PDB file of N, CA and C in Angstrom:
ATOM      1  N   SER A   1     191.484 -62.787 -78.380  1.00  0.00           N
ATOM      2  CA  SER A   1     192.951 -63.403 -78.977  1.00  0.00           C
ATOM      3  C   SER A   1     192.695 -64.709 -79.835  1.00  0.00           C
ATOM      4  N   VAL A   2     193.098 -64.582 -80.718  1.00  0.00           N
ATOM      5  CA  VAL A   2     193.009 -66.542 -81.203  1.00  0.00           C
ATOM      6  C   VAL A   2     194.594 -67.202 -80.505  1.00  0.00           C
ATOM      7  N   TRP A   3     195.296 -66.724 -80.159  1.00  0.00           N
ATOM      8  CA  TRP A   3     196.271 -67.487 -79.157  1.00  0.00           C
ATOM      9  C   TRP A   3     195.681 -67.681 -77.696  1.00  0.00           C
ATOM     10  N   ARG A   4     194.693 -67.169 -77.102  1.00  0.00           N
ATOM     11  CA  ARG A   4     194.462 -67.607 -76.061  1.00  0.00           C
ATOM     12  C   ARG A   4     193.799 -69.174 -75.756  1.00  0.00           C
ATOM     13  N   GLY A   5     194.983 -69.177 -74.472  1.00  0.00           N
ATOM     14  CA  GLY A   5     194.898 -70.992 -74.297  1.00  0.00           C
ATOM     15  C   GLY A   5     195.868 -71.788 -75.164  1.00  0.00           C
ATOM     16  N   VAL A   6     196.457 -71.112 -75.872  1.00  0.00           N
ATOM     17  CA  VAL A   6     197.562 -71.767 -76.515  1.00  0.00           C
ATOM     18  C   VAL A   6     199.114 -72.391 -75.674  1.00  0.00           C
ATOM     19  N   VAL A   7     199.188 -73.295 -75.986  1.00  0.00           N
ATOM     20  CA  VAL A   7     200.611 -72.833 -75.337  1.00  0.00           C
ATOM     21  C   VAL A   7     201.933 -73.675 -75.643  1.00  0.00           C
ATOM     22  N   ALA A   8     202.997 -72.433 -75.849  1.00  0.00           N
ATOM     23  CA  ALA A   8     203.747 -72.697 -76.845  1.00  0.00           C
ATOM     24  C   ALA A   8     205.061 -73.677 -76.454  1.00  0.00           C
ATOM     25  N   LYS A   9     204.847 -74.739 -77.046  1.00  0.00           N
ATOM     26  CA  LYS A   9     206.325 -75.646 -77.169  1.00  0.00           C
ATOM     27  C   LYS A   9     207.588 -75.036 -77.590  1.00  0.00           C
ATOM     28  N   VAL A  10     208.794 -75.189 -76.889  1.00  0.00           N
ATOM     29  CA  VAL A  10     209.753 -74.467 -77.074  1.00  0.00           C
ATOM     30  C   VAL A  10     211.030 -75.473 -76.841  1.00  0.00           C
ATOM     31  N   ARG A  11     212.136 -75.700 -77.987  1.00  0.00           N
ATOM     32  CA  ARG A  11     213.202 -76.507 -77.959  1.00  0.00           C
ATOM     33  C   ARG A  11     214.381 -75.240 -77.296  1.00  0.00           C
ATOM     34  N   LEU A  12     214.650 -74.704 -76.257  1.00  0.00           N
ATOM     35  CA  LEU A  12     215.398 -74.040 -76.249  1.00  0.00           C
ATOM     36  C   LEU A  12     216.781 -73.540 -76.022  1.00  0.00           C
ATOM     37  N   SER A  13     217.093 -75.169 -77.110  1.00  0.00           N
ATOM     38  CA  SER A  13     218.681 -75.399 -77.512  1.00  0.00           C
ATOM     39  C   SER A  13     218.273 -74.951 -79.141  1.00  0.00           C
ATOM     40  N   ARG A  14     217.101 -74.556 -79.702  1.00  0.00           N
ATOM     41  CA  ARG A  14     217.023 -74.237 -81.114  1.00  0.00           C
ATOM     42  C   ARG A  14     216.361 -72.490 -81.174  1.00  0.00           C
ATOM     43  N   ILE A  15     216.228 -71.894 -80.168  1.00  0.00           N
ATOM     44  CA  ILE A  15     215.274 -70.585 -80.442  1.00  0.00           C
ATOM     45  C   ILE A  15     215.962 -70.182 -79.899  1.00  0.00           C
ATOM     46  N   SER A  16     215.512 -68.846 -80.810  1.00  0.00           N
ATOM     47  CA  SER A  16     216.290 -67.119 -80.332  1.00  0.00           C
ATOM     48  C   SER A  16     215.432 -66.641 -78.970  1.00  0.00           C
ATOM     49  N   GLU A  17     216.223 -65.397 -78.661  1.00  0.00           N
ATOM     50  CA  GLU A  17     215.344 -64.770 -77.460  1.00  0.00           C
ATOM     51  C   GLU A  17     214.024 -63.999 -78.461  1.00  0.00           C
ATOM     52  N   ASP A  18     214.782 -63.153 -80.023  1.00  0.00           N
ATOM     53  CA  ASP A  18     213.525 -63.036 -80.480  1.00  0.00           C
ATOM     54  C   ASP A  18     211.989 -63.315 -80.913  1.00  0.00           C
ATOM     55  N   VAL A  19     212.421 -65.441 -80.853  1.00  0.00           N
ATOM     56  CA  VAL A  19     211.318 -65.907 -81.220  1.00  0.00           C
ATOM     57  C   VAL A  19     210.401 -65.967 -79.606  1.00  0.00           C
ATOM     58  N   LEU A  20     211.048 -66.122 -79.309  1.00  0.00           N
ATOM     59  CA  LEU A  20     210.098 -66.192 -77.704  1.00  0.00           C
ATOM     60  C   LEU A  20     209.792 -64.676 -77.019  1.00  0.00           C
ATOM     61  N   HIS A  21     210.462 -63.036 -77.590  1.00  0.00           N
ATOM     62  CA  HIS A  21     209.812 -62.609 -78.074  1.00  0.00           C
ATOM     63  C   HIS A  21     208.206 -62.299 -78.699  1.00  0.00           C
ATOM     64  N   SER A  22     208.503 -62.594 -79.586  1.00  0.00           N
ATOM     65  CA  SER A  22     207.262 -62.809 -80.023  1.00  0.00           C
ATOM     66  C   SER A  22     206.018 -63.750 -80.394  1.00  0.00           C
ATOM     67  N   ILE A  23     206.714 -64.488 -79.714  1.00  0.00           N
ATOM     68  CA  ILE A  23     205.824 -65.910 -78.717  1.00  0.00           C
ATOM     69  C   ILE A  23     204.893 -64.884 -77.532  1.00  0.00           C
ATOM     70  N   HIS A  24     205.420 -64.026 -76.982  1.00  0.00           N
ATOM     71  CA  HIS A  24     204.917 -63.248 -75.844  1.00  0.00           C
ATOM     72  C   HIS A  24     204.039 -62.119 -76.304  1.00  0.00           C
ATOM     73  N   ALA A  25     204.253 -61.578 -77.539  1.00  0.00           N
ATOM     74  CA  ALA A  25     203.725 -60.152 -78.257  1.00  0.00           C
ATOM     75  C   ALA A  25     202.643 -60.577 -78.414  1.00  0.00           C
ATOM     76  N   ARG A  26     202.205 -62.259 -78.717  1.00  0.00           N
ATOM     77  CA  ARG A  26     201.042 -62.978 -79.194  1.00  0.00           C
ATOM     78  C   ARG A  26     200.188 -62.433 -78.127  1.00  0.00           C
ATOM     79  N   GLY A  27     200.839 -62.365 -76.927  1.00  0.00           N
ATOM     80  CA  GLY A  27     199.915 -62.974 -75.273  1.00  0.00           C
ATOM     81  C   GLY A  27     199.619 -64.607 -75.123  1.00  0.00           C
ATOM     82  N   ILE A  28     200.523 -65.162 -75.228  1.00  0.00           N
ATOM     83  CA  ILE A  28     200.340 -66.336 -74.977  1.00  0.00           C
ATOM     84  C   ILE A  28     201.149 -66.598 -73.448  1.00  0.00           C
ATOM     85  N   GLN A  29     200.688 -67.223 -72.964  1.00  0.00           N
ATOM     86  CA  GLN A  29     201.020 -66.841 -71.297  1.00  0.00           C
ATOM     87  C   GLN A  29     201.449 -68.669 -70.872  1.00  0.00           C
ATOM     88  N   LYS A  30     201.475 -69.132 -71.908  1.00  0.00           N
ATOM     89  CA  LYS A  30     201.442 -70.802 -71.524  1.00  0.00           C
ATOM     90  C   LYS A  30     202.576 -71.224 -72.398  1.00  0.00           C
ATOM     91  N   VAL A  31     204.068 -72.084 -71.307  1.00  0.00           N
ATOM     92  CA  VAL A  31     204.793 -72.328 -71.986  1.00  0.00           C
ATOM     93  C   VAL A  31     205.051 -73.729 -71.425  1.00  0.00           C
ATOM     94  N   ARG A  32     205.602 -74.557 -72.625  1.00  0.00           N
ATOM     95  CA  ARG A  32     205.986 -76.312 -72.369  1.00  0.00           C
ATOM     96  C   ARG A  32     207.664 -76.056 -72.925  1.00  0.00           C
ATOM     97  N   VAL A  33     208.652 -75.977 -72.468  1.00  0.00           N
ATOM     98  CA  VAL A  33     209.973 -76.195 -72.751  1.00  0.00           C
ATOM     99  C   VAL A  33     210.089 -77.877 -72.898  1.00  0.00           C
ATOM    100  N   LYS A  34     210.239 -78.554 -74.061  1.00  0.00           N
ATOM    101  CA  LYS A  34     210.702 -79.342 -74.640  1.00  0.00           C
ATOM    102  C   LYS A  34     212.090 -79.843 -73.734  1.00  0.00           C
ATOM    103  N   GLU A  35     213.221 -79.180 -73.852  1.00  0.00           N
ATOM    104  CA  GLU A  35     214.708 -79.593 -73.707  1.00  0.00           C
ATOM    105  C   GLU A  35     215.410 -78.257 -74.020  1.00  0.00           C
ATOM    106  N   HIS A  36     216.657 -77.891 -72.738  1.00  0.00           N
ATOM    107  CA  HIS A  36     217.336 -77.124 -72.580  1.00  0.00           C
ATOM    108  C   HIS A  36     218.136 -77.957 -71.602  1.00  0.00           C
ATOM    109  N   LYS A  37     219.338 -77.052 -71.793  1.00  0.00           N
ATOM    110  CA  LYS A  37     221.010 -77.242 -71.473  1.00  0.00           C
ATOM    111  C   LYS A  37     220.906 -75.799 -70.128  1.00  0.00           C
ATOM    112  N   SER A  38     220.786 -75.296 -71.316  1.00  0.00           N
ATOM    113  CA  SER A  38     220.145 -74.180 -70.542  1.00  0.00           C
ATOM    114  C   SER A  38     219.623 -73.115 -70.708  1.00  0.00           C
ATOM    115  N   ASN A  39     219.363 -71.977 -70.858  1.00  0.00           N
ATOM    116  CA  ASN A  39     218.744 -70.346 -70.679  1.00  0.00           C
ATOM    117  C   ASN A  39     217.267 -70.685 -70.325  1.00  0.00           C
ATOM    118  N   LEU A  40     216.622 -71.183 -69.577  1.00  0.00           N
ATOM    119  CA  LEU A  40     215.678 -71.495 -69.164  1.00  0.00           C
ATOM    120  C   LEU A  40     215.299 -70.437 -68.716  1.00  0.00           C
ATOM    121  N   GLU A  41     216.122 -68.954 -67.272  1.00  0.00           N
ATOM    122  CA  GLU A  41     215.998 -68.031 -67.181  1.00  0.00           C
ATOM    123  C   GLU A  41     215.595 -67.095 -68.690  1.00  0.00           C
ATOM    124  N   LEU A  42     215.577 -67.270 -69.586  1.00  0.00           N
ATOM    125  CA  LEU A  42     215.401 -66.958 -71.006  1.00  0.00           C
ATOM    126  C   LEU A  42     214.434 -66.444 -70.786  1.00  0.00           C
ATOM    127  N   VAL A  43     213.700 -67.550 -70.503  1.00  0.00           N
ATOM    128  CA  VAL A  43     212.265 -68.038 -71.114  1.00  0.00           C
ATOM    129  C   VAL A  43     210.969 -67.073 -69.089  1.00  0.00           C
ATOM    130  N   THR A  44     211.957 -66.893 -68.205  1.00  0.00           N
ATOM    131  CA  THR A  44     211.136 -66.364 -67.423  1.00  0.00           C
ATOM    132  C   THR A  44     211.059 -64.956 -67.351  1.00  0.00           C
ATOM    133  N   ARG A  45     212.316 -64.493 -67.637  1.00  0.00           N
ATOM    134  CA  ARG A  45     212.949 -63.143 -67.980  1.00  0.00           C
ATOM    135  C   ARG A  45     211.679 -62.813 -69.094  1.00  0.00           C
ATOM    136  N   VAL A  46     211.333 -63.170 -70.258  1.00  0.00           N
ATOM    137  CA  VAL A  46     210.600 -63.026 -71.608  1.00  0.00           C
ATOM    138  C   VAL A  46     209.172 -62.595 -71.109  1.00  0.00           C
ATOM    139  N   PHE A  47     208.978 -63.841 -70.499  1.00  0.00           N
ATOM    140  CA  PHE A  47     207.719 -63.710 -70.286  1.00  0.00           C
ATOM    141  C   PHE A  47     207.022 -63.493 -68.898  1.00  0.00           C
ATOM    142  N   ARG A  48     206.544 -62.465 -68.505  1.00  0.00           N
ATOM    143  CA  ARG A  48     206.958 -61.222 -67.237  1.00  0.00           C
ATOM    144  C   ARG A  48     205.786 -62.135 -66.699  1.00  0.00           C
ATOM    145  N   THR A  49     204.719 -62.258 -67.846  1.00  0.00           N
ATOM    146  CA  THR A  49     203.247 -62.629 -67.267  1.00  0.00           C
ATOM    147  C   THR A  49     203.054 -64.300 -67.539  1.00  0.00           C
ATOM    148  N   LEU A  50     204.031 -65.375 -67.191  1.00  0.00           N
ATOM    149  CA  LEU A  50     203.924 -65.982 -67.785  1.00  0.00           C
ATOM    150  C   LEU A  50     203.049 -66.742 -66.590  1.00  0.00           C
ATOM    151  N   ARG A  51     201.741 -67.949 -67.055  1.00  0.00           N
ATOM    152  CA  ARG A  51     200.848 -68.391 -66.080  1.00  0.00           C
ATOM    153  C   ARG A  51     201.170 -69.595 -65.788  1.00  0.00           C
ATOM    154  N   SER A  52     201.714 -70.538 -66.799  1.00  0.00           N
ATOM    155  CA  SER A  52     202.121 -71.858 -66.708  1.00  0.00           C
ATOM    156  C   SER A  52     203.777 -72.035 -67.359  1.00  0.00           C
ATOM    157  N   LEU A  53     204.224 -72.830 -66.923  1.00  0.00           N
ATOM    158  CA  LEU A  53     205.373 -72.807 -67.569  1.00  0.00           C
ATOM    159  C   LEU A  53     205.642 -74.700 -66.724  1.00  0.00           C
ATOM    160  N   ASP A  54     205.676 -75.685 -67.837  1.00  0.00           N
ATOM    161  CA  ASP A  54     206.243 -77.339 -67.851  1.00  0.00           C
ATOM    162  C   ASP A  54     207.443 -77.371 -68.275  1.00  0.00           C
ATOM    163  N   ILE A  55     208.148 -78.154 -67.498  1.00  0.00           N
ATOM    164  CA  ILE A  55     209.502 -78.021 -67.737  1.00  0.00           C
ATOM    165  C   ILE A  55     209.817 -79.508 -67.123  1.00  0.00           C
ATOM    166  N   GLY A  56     208.595 -80.434 -66.937  1.00  0.00           N
ATOM    167  CA  GLY A  56     208.495 -81.860 -66.456  1.00  0.00           C
ATOM    168  C   GLY A  56     209.602 -82.665 -67.639  1.00  0.00           C
ATOM    169  N   GLY A  57     210.423 -83.097 -67.039  1.00  0.00           N
ATOM    170  CA  GLY A  57     211.108 -84.195 -68.119  1.00  0.00           C
ATOM    171  C   GLY A  57     212.382 -84.221 -69.299  1.00  0.00           C
ATOM    172  N   CYS A  58     212.817 -82.708 -68.274  1.00  0.00           N
ATOM    173  CA  CYS A  58     214.284 -81.571 -68.458  1.00  0.00           C
ATOM    174  C   CYS A  58     215.148 -82.641 -68.005  1.00  0.00           C
ATOM    175  N   HIS A  59     215.734 -82.650 -68.285  1.00  0.00           N
ATOM    176  CA  HIS A  59     216.704 -83.866 -66.860  1.00  0.00           C
ATOM    177  C   HIS A  59     218.019 -82.911 -67.097  1.00  0.00           C
ATOM    178  N   TYR A  60     217.935 -81.796 -67.710  1.00  0.00           N
ATOM    179  CA  TYR A  60     219.268 -81.014 -67.597  1.00  0.00           C
ATOM    180  C   TYR A  60     218.849 -80.036 -66.519  1.00  0.00           C
ATOM    181  N   THR A  61     217.908 -79.957 -65.938  1.00  0.00           N
ATOM    182  CA  THR A  61     217.381 -79.233 -64.849  1.00  0.00           C
ATOM    183  C   THR A  61     217.516 -79.583 -63.596  1.00  0.00           C
ATOM    184  N   SER A  62     217.348 -78.433 -62.723  1.00  0.00           N
ATOM    185  CA  SER A  62     219.292 -78.565 -61.367  1.00  0.00           C
ATOM    186  C   SER A  62     218.410 -77.829 -60.708  1.00  0.00           C
ATOM    187  N   ASP A  63     218.572 -77.720 -58.958  1.00  0.00           N
ATOM    188  CA  ASP A  63     218.590 -76.714 -58.665  1.00  0.00           C
ATOM    189  C   ASP A  63     219.086 -75.154 -58.871  1.00  0.00           C
ATOM    190  N   GLU A  64     219.958 -75.762 -59.773  1.00  0.00           N
ATOM    191  CA  GLU A  64     220.636 -74.161 -59.723  1.00  0.00           C
ATOM    192  C   GLU A  64     220.383 -73.498 -60.964  1.00  0.00           C
ATOM    193  N   THR A  65     219.413 -74.327 -62.196  1.00  0.00           N
ATOM    194  CA  THR A  65     218.552 -73.924 -63.072  1.00  0.00           C
ATOM    195  C   THR A  65     217.296 -73.499 -62.518  1.00  0.00           C
ATOM    196  N   ILE A  66     216.897 -73.897 -61.852  1.00  0.00           N
ATOM    197  CA  ILE A  66     216.123 -73.092 -60.616  1.00  0.00           C
ATOM    198  C   ILE A  66     215.968 -71.897 -60.597  1.00  0.00           C
ATOM    199  N   GLN A  67     216.693 -71.869 -59.597  1.00  0.00           N
ATOM    200  CA  GLN A  67     217.545 -70.680 -59.092  1.00  0.00           C
ATOM    201  C   GLN A  67     217.699 -69.154 -59.838  1.00  0.00           C
ATOM    202  N   LYS A  68     218.635 -69.936 -60.948  1.00  0.00           N
ATOM    203  CA  LYS A  68     218.949 -68.755 -62.117  1.00  0.00           C
ATOM    204  C   LYS A  68     217.213 -68.160 -62.673  1.00  0.00           C
ATOM    205  N   ALA A  69     216.685 -69.445 -62.946  1.00  0.00           N
ATOM    206  CA  ALA A  69     215.904 -69.065 -63.561  1.00  0.00           C
ATOM    207  C   ALA A  69     214.753 -68.413 -62.957  1.00  0.00           C
ATOM    208  N   PHE A  70     214.396 -68.426 -61.679  1.00  0.00           N
ATOM    209  CA  PHE A  70     213.370 -67.885 -60.811  1.00  0.00           C
ATOM    210  C   PHE A  70     213.916 -66.526 -59.849  1.00  0.00           C
ATOM    211  N   ALA A  71     214.947 -65.977 -60.302  1.00  0.00           N
ATOM    212  CA  ALA A  71     215.846 -65.168 -59.548  1.00  0.00           C
ATOM    213  C   ALA A  71     215.030 -63.985 -59.354  1.00  0.00           C
ATOM    214  N   SER A  72     213.498 -63.636 -59.927  1.00  0.00           N
ATOM    215  CA  SER A  72     212.568 -62.609 -59.789  1.00  0.00           C
ATOM    216  C   SER A  72     211.620 -63.062 -59.362  1.00  0.00           C
ATOM    217  N   GLU A  73     210.708 -63.021 -58.842  1.00  0.00           N
ATOM    218  CA  GLU A  73     209.550 -63.003 -58.509  1.00  0.00           C
ATOM    219  C   GLU A  73     208.328 -63.726 -59.803  1.00  0.00           C
ATOM    220  N   LEU A  74     207.937 -64.528 -59.959  1.00  0.00           N
ATOM    221  CA  LEU A  74     207.062 -64.856 -60.781  1.00  0.00           C
ATOM    222  C   LEU A  74     205.676 -65.253 -60.386  1.00  0.00           C
ATOM    223  N   SER A  75     205.036 -63.541 -60.436  1.00  0.00           N
ATOM    224  CA  SER A  75     203.737 -64.151 -59.207  1.00  0.00           C
ATOM    225  C   SER A  75     202.501 -63.963 -59.999  1.00  0.00           C
ATOM    226  N   THR A  76     202.474 -64.702 -61.488  1.00  0.00           N
ATOM    227  CA  THR A  76     201.433 -64.938 -62.467  1.00  0.00           C
ATOM    228  C   THR A  76     201.012 -66.162 -62.582  1.00  0.00           C
ATOM    229  N   VAL A  77     202.421 -66.559 -62.108  1.00  0.00           N
ATOM    230  CA  VAL A  77     202.501 -68.718 -62.717  1.00  0.00           C
ATOM    231  C   VAL A  77     201.758 -69.345 -61.461  1.00  0.00           C
ATOM    232  N   THR A  78     200.735 -70.370 -61.848  1.00  0.00           N
ATOM    233  CA  THR A  78     199.964 -71.024 -61.377  1.00  0.00           C
ATOM    234  C   THR A  78     200.110 -72.453 -62.012  1.00  0.00           C
ATOM    235  N   ASP A  79     200.338 -72.634 -62.542  1.00  0.00           N
ATOM    236  CA  ASP A  79     200.489 -74.404 -62.761  1.00  0.00           C
ATOM    237  C   ASP A  79     202.447 -74.154 -63.502  1.00  0.00           C
ATOM    238  N   LEU A  80     202.904 -74.509 -62.217  1.00  0.00           N
ATOM    239  CA  LEU A  80     204.848 -75.436 -62.721  1.00  0.00           C
ATOM    240  C   LEU A  80     204.589 -76.608 -62.469  1.00  0.00           C
ATOM    241  N   ASP A  81     205.414 -77.584 -63.573  1.00  0.00           N
ATOM    242  CA  ASP A  81     205.302 -78.684 -64.148  1.00  0.00           C
ATOM    243  C   ASP A  81     206.850 -78.850 -63.914  1.00  0.00           C
ATOM    244  N   LEU A  82     207.430 -80.094 -62.402  1.00  0.00           N
ATOM    245  CA  LEU A  82     208.773 -79.906 -62.605  1.00  0.00           C
ATOM    246  C   LEU A  82     208.772 -81.876 -62.856  1.00  0.00           C
ATOM    247  N   SER A  83     207.950 -82.393 -63.454  1.00  0.00           N
ATOM    248  CA  SER A  83     207.691 -83.628 -63.245  1.00  0.00           C
ATOM    249  C   SER A  83     209.135 -84.747 -64.036  1.00  0.00           C
ATOM    250  N   PHE A  84     209.892 -85.507 -62.876  1.00  0.00           N
ATOM    251  CA  PHE A  84     210.611 -86.610 -63.385  1.00  0.00           C
ATOM    252  C   PHE A  84     212.086 -85.245 -63.866  1.00  0.00           C
ATOM    253  N   CYS A  85     211.972 -84.599 -63.381  1.00  0.00           N
ATOM    254  CA  CYS A  85     213.815 -83.417 -63.463  1.00  0.00           C
ATOM    255  C   CYS A  85     214.309 -84.147 -62.033  1.00  0.00           C
ATOM    256  N   ALA A  86     214.718 -85.216 -62.317  1.00  0.00           N
ATOM    257  CA  ALA A  86     215.658 -85.804 -61.159  1.00  0.00           C
ATOM    258  C   ALA A  86     216.291 -84.999 -59.917  1.00  0.00           C
ATOM    259  N   SER A  87     217.095 -84.703 -60.942  1.00  0.00           N
ATOM    260  CA  SER A  87     218.121 -83.496 -60.699  1.00  0.00           C
ATOM    261  C   SER A  87     218.285 -82.275 -59.127  1.00  0.00           C
ATOM    262  N   ILE A  88     216.454 -82.051 -59.391  1.00  0.00           N
ATOM    263  CA  ILE A  88     216.038 -81.587 -58.599  1.00  0.00           C
ATOM    264  C   ILE A  88     215.902 -81.570 -57.037  1.00  0.00           C
ATOM    265  N   THR A  89     216.216 -80.943 -56.362  1.00  0.00           N
ATOM    266  CA  THR A  89     215.685 -81.154 -55.061  1.00  0.00           C
ATOM    267  C   THR A  89     214.698 -80.858 -53.834  1.00  0.00           C
ATOM    268  N   ASP A  90     214.427 -80.882 -52.748  1.00  0.00           N
ATOM    269  CA  ASP A  90     213.518 -79.918 -52.140  1.00  0.00           C
ATOM    270  C   ASP A  90     213.772 -78.628 -52.185  1.00  0.00           C
ATOM    271  N   LEU A  91     215.317 -78.553 -51.656  1.00  0.00           N
ATOM    272  CA  LEU A  91     215.914 -77.124 -51.646  1.00  0.00           C
ATOM    273  C   LEU A  91     215.112 -76.440 -53.360  1.00  0.00           C
ATOM    274  N   GLY A  92     215.376 -76.822 -54.340  1.00  0.00           N
ATOM    275  CA  GLY A  92     215.579 -76.254 -56.027  1.00  0.00           C
ATOM    276  C   GLY A  92     213.754 -76.054 -55.942  1.00  0.00           C
ATOM    277  N   LEU A  93     212.730 -77.078 -55.452  1.00  0.00           N
ATOM    278  CA  LEU A  93     211.714 -77.291 -55.573  1.00  0.00           C
ATOM    279  C   LEU A  93     210.893 -75.939 -54.442  1.00  0.00           C
ATOM    280  N   SER A  94     211.666 -75.715 -53.478  1.00  0.00           N
ATOM    281  CA  SER A  94     211.551 -74.715 -52.337  1.00  0.00           C
ATOM    282  C   SER A  94     211.505 -73.221 -52.893  1.00  0.00           C
ATOM    283  N   ASN A  95     212.588 -73.258 -54.096  1.00  0.00           N
ATOM    284  CA  ASN A  95     213.045 -71.888 -54.006  1.00  0.00           C
ATOM    285  C   ASN A  95     211.760 -71.535 -55.441  1.00  0.00           C
ATOM    286  N   ALA A  96     211.676 -72.775 -56.055  1.00  0.00           N
ATOM    287  CA  ALA A  96     210.841 -72.081 -57.101  1.00  0.00           C
ATOM    288  C   ALA A  96     209.242 -71.827 -56.647  1.00  0.00           C
ATOM    289  N   LEU A  97     209.052 -71.998 -55.510  1.00  0.00           N
ATOM    290  CA  LEU A  97     207.506 -71.832 -55.136  1.00  0.00           C
ATOM    291  C   LEU A  97     207.818 -71.047 -54.240  1.00  0.00           C
ATOM    292  N   VAL A  98     209.145 -70.491 -53.646  1.00  0.00           N
ATOM    293  CA  VAL A  98     208.514 -69.048 -52.436  1.00  0.00           C
ATOM    294  C   VAL A  98     208.996 -67.581 -54.054  1.00  0.00           C
ATOM    295  N   LYS A  99     209.067 -68.086 -55.494  1.00  0.00           N
ATOM    296  CA  LYS A  99     209.252 -66.851 -56.257  1.00  0.00           C
ATOM    297  C   LYS A  99     207.776 -67.274 -56.836  1.00  0.00           C
ATOM    298  N   CYS A 100     207.154 -68.127 -56.709  1.00  0.00           N
ATOM    299  CA  CYS A 100     205.838 -68.606 -57.266  1.00  0.00           C
ATOM    300  C   CYS A 100     204.645 -68.482 -56.464  1.00  0.00           C
ATOM    301  N   PRO A 101     204.187 -67.031 -56.219  1.00  0.00           N
ATOM    302  CA  PRO A 101     203.440 -67.779 -54.799  1.00  0.00           C
ATOM    303  C   PRO A 101     201.806 -67.462 -54.670  1.00  0.00           C
ATOM    304  N   ALA A 102     201.571 -67.224 -56.025  1.00  0.00           N
ATOM    305  CA  ALA A 102     200.430 -67.907 -56.754  1.00  0.00           C
ATOM    306  C   ALA A 102     199.835 -69.820 -56.498  1.00  0.00           C
TER     307      ALA A 102
END
């Protein structure tokens, strides 16, 4: 597929669920969230076979955001970037890692 290895860079404040479904339908499994105030769980719900999730630098990311986004297991995630997410504590990190056993 021409989409293999492509990283979708999305701004959740400007994207619809239909667009996320379209990106997922192309087989893209790597997502870089550029900014979000909410709806991170939309990405994890649509991309059930997500391999890479980069939300590094998203200042709105908190333990609560992580808990909602990782409400169900994401066993395919092998690369998770939470760098510069100053509001995430060890508890939030632990919640994310439990849901990403790979």
